[in-house]
Amino acid sequence: MPIRCNSTGGSNSWTTSGATLNGLLNSGGNLTESGSAITVGANNNYELDIITDASNITIGSNIVDNSGGASEVVTGSVGGGTVILAGANTNTGGTTVNSGTLDLASGQPSRHQ
């Protein structure tokens, strides 16, 4: 399930409770997500696409594999924004940065590439 967050500036927050996602698109303002875990959905070859514009998006939940196999995280920006992965992610697929900046929060493992 893809989710699109649209705002008219400022900062917004969003709390998940065991969400299963294949995509997250943020535009118009900074977004901070928090919660327990985001499971990468089975669609899109077990890939979670996180895209932002010139805003920043912080994913505080742990990103975990789908029971179907290794799950990849793909990040990108269409305007110079930053994707911040702040959770204790356990997904076993790779992490790809197509554009923009990927920031791993302090203390995160450097296995993301």
Protein backbone atom coordinates (compact mmCIF):
# COMPACT_ATOMS: atom_id res chain seq x y z
CA MET A 1 0.00 0.00 0.00
CA PRO A 2 1.50 3.40 -0.94
CA ILE A 3 0.87 6.42 1.27
CA ARG A 4 1.12 10.03 0.13
CA CYS A 5 1.56 12.80 2.69
CA ASN A 6 0.81 16.30 1.42
CA SER A 7 1.05 19.44 3.52
CA THR A 8 1.29 23.16 2.97
CA GLY A 9 4.53 23.65 4.83
CA GLY A 10 5.63 23.26 8.40
CA SER A 11 6.13 19.88 10.00
CA ASN A 12 3.80 16.92 10.36
CA SER A 13 3.98 13.67 12.29
CA TRP A 14 2.47 10.28 11.63
CA THR A 15 2.35 7.19 13.85
CA THR A 16 2.17 3.67 12.45
CA SER A 17 1.06 0.54 14.21
CA GLY A 18 2.42 -2.44 12.31
CA ALA A 19 1.94 -0.92 8.83
CA THR A 20 2.77 -2.85 5.65
CA LEU A 21 3.91 -0.49 2.88
CA ASN A 22 5.45 -0.47 -0.58
CA GLY A 23 5.73 3.28 -0.95
CA LEU A 24 5.78 6.54 0.94
CA LEU A 25 5.69 9.91 -0.87
CA ASN A 26 6.09 13.16 1.04
CA SER A 27 5.67 16.68 -0.33
CA GLY A 28 5.10 20.15 1.06
CA GLY A 29 6.67 19.90 4.51
CA ASN A 30 8.86 17.83 6.79
CA LEU A 31 7.35 14.54 7.97
CA THR A 32 8.32 12.48 11.00
CA GLU A 33 7.00 8.91 11.24
CA SER A 34 7.12 6.91 14.46
CA GLY A 35 5.70 3.64 15.65
CA SER A 36 6.61 0.01 16.11
CA ALA A 37 7.53 -1.38 12.68
CA ILE A 38 7.00 -0.97 8.96
CA THR A 39 6.88 -4.27 7.09
CA VAL A 40 7.87 -4.04 3.44
CA GLY A 41 4.90 -5.15 1.32
CA ALA A 42 4.96 -8.08 -1.08
CA ASN A 43 4.21 -5.89 -4.12
CA ASN A 44 6.96 -4.21 -6.13
CA ASN A 45 9.40 -7.11 -5.59
CA TYR A 46 9.57 -6.59 -1.81
CA GLU A 47 10.74 -2.99 -2.23
CA LEU A 48 9.86 0.01 -0.07
CA ASP A 49 10.21 3.27 -2.03
CA ILE A 50 10.56 6.40 0.13
CA ILE A 51 10.41 9.60 -1.95
CA THR A 52 10.41 13.23 -0.80
CA ASP A 53 10.57 16.65 -2.41
CA ALA A 54 12.74 19.42 -0.92
CA SER A 55 11.40 18.41 2.51
CA ASN A 56 12.84 15.89 4.93
CA ILE A 57 11.19 12.64 5.94
CA THR A 58 12.23 10.77 9.09
CA ILE A 59 11.28 7.10 9.45
CA GLY A 60 11.49 6.26 13.15
CA SER A 61 9.95 2.79 12.99
CA ASN A 62 12.01 -0.32 12.38
CA ILE A 63 11.87 -1.43 8.73
CA VAL A 64 11.53 -5.21 8.62
CA ASP A 65 11.46 -7.90 5.91
CA ASN A 66 8.24 -9.27 4.54
CA SER A 67 7.80 -12.96 5.38
CA GLY A 68 8.27 -13.62 1.64
CA GLY A 69 11.96 -12.77 1.64
CA ALA A 70 14.61 -10.06 1.73
CA SER A 71 13.24 -6.55 1.38
CA GLU A 72 15.01 -3.57 -0.19
CA VAL A 73 14.65 0.10 0.73
CA VAL A 74 14.92 2.63 -2.13
CA THR A 75 15.13 6.35 -1.35
CA GLY A 76 14.99 9.40 -3.55
CA SER A 77 14.30 13.10 -3.68
CA VAL A 78 12.87 15.23 -6.46
CA GLY A 79 14.03 18.46 -4.86
CA GLY A 80 17.03 17.91 -2.62
CA GLY A 81 15.27 16.59 0.48
CA THR A 82 16.67 14.08 2.94
CA VAL A 83 15.37 10.65 3.94
CA ILE A 84 16.38 9.86 7.53
CA LEU A 85 16.25 6.23 8.69
CA ALA A 86 16.16 6.41 12.49
CA GLY A 87 14.84 2.96 13.44
CA ALA A 88 16.73 -0.24 14.21
CA ASN A 89 16.10 -1.62 10.72
CA THR A 90 16.41 -5.36 10.19
CA ASN A 91 15.52 -5.64 6.51
CA THR A 92 18.04 -7.93 4.80
CA GLY A 93 17.87 -6.49 1.29
CA GLY A 94 20.00 -3.57 0.17
CA THR A 95 19.40 0.14 0.51
CA THR A 96 19.61 2.19 -2.69
CA VAL A 97 19.86 5.98 -2.91
CA ASN A 98 18.60 7.14 -6.31
CA SER A 99 18.83 10.86 -5.55
CA GLY A 100 18.88 13.26 -2.64
CA THR A 101 20.45 12.42 0.70
CA LEU A 102 20.11 9.39 2.96
CA ASP A 103 20.93 10.01 6.61
CA LEU A 104 21.33 7.08 8.99
CA ALA A 105 20.48 8.20 12.50
CA SER A 106 23.16 8.01 15.14
CA GLY A 107 23.98 4.47 16.18
CA GLN A 108 22.55 2.80 13.09
CA PRO A 109 24.52 -0.04 11.50
CA SER A 110 26.48 0.92 8.40
CA ARG A 111 25.34 -2.17 6.44
CA HIS A 112 22.92 0.07 4.45
CA GLN A 113 24.45 0.88 1.09
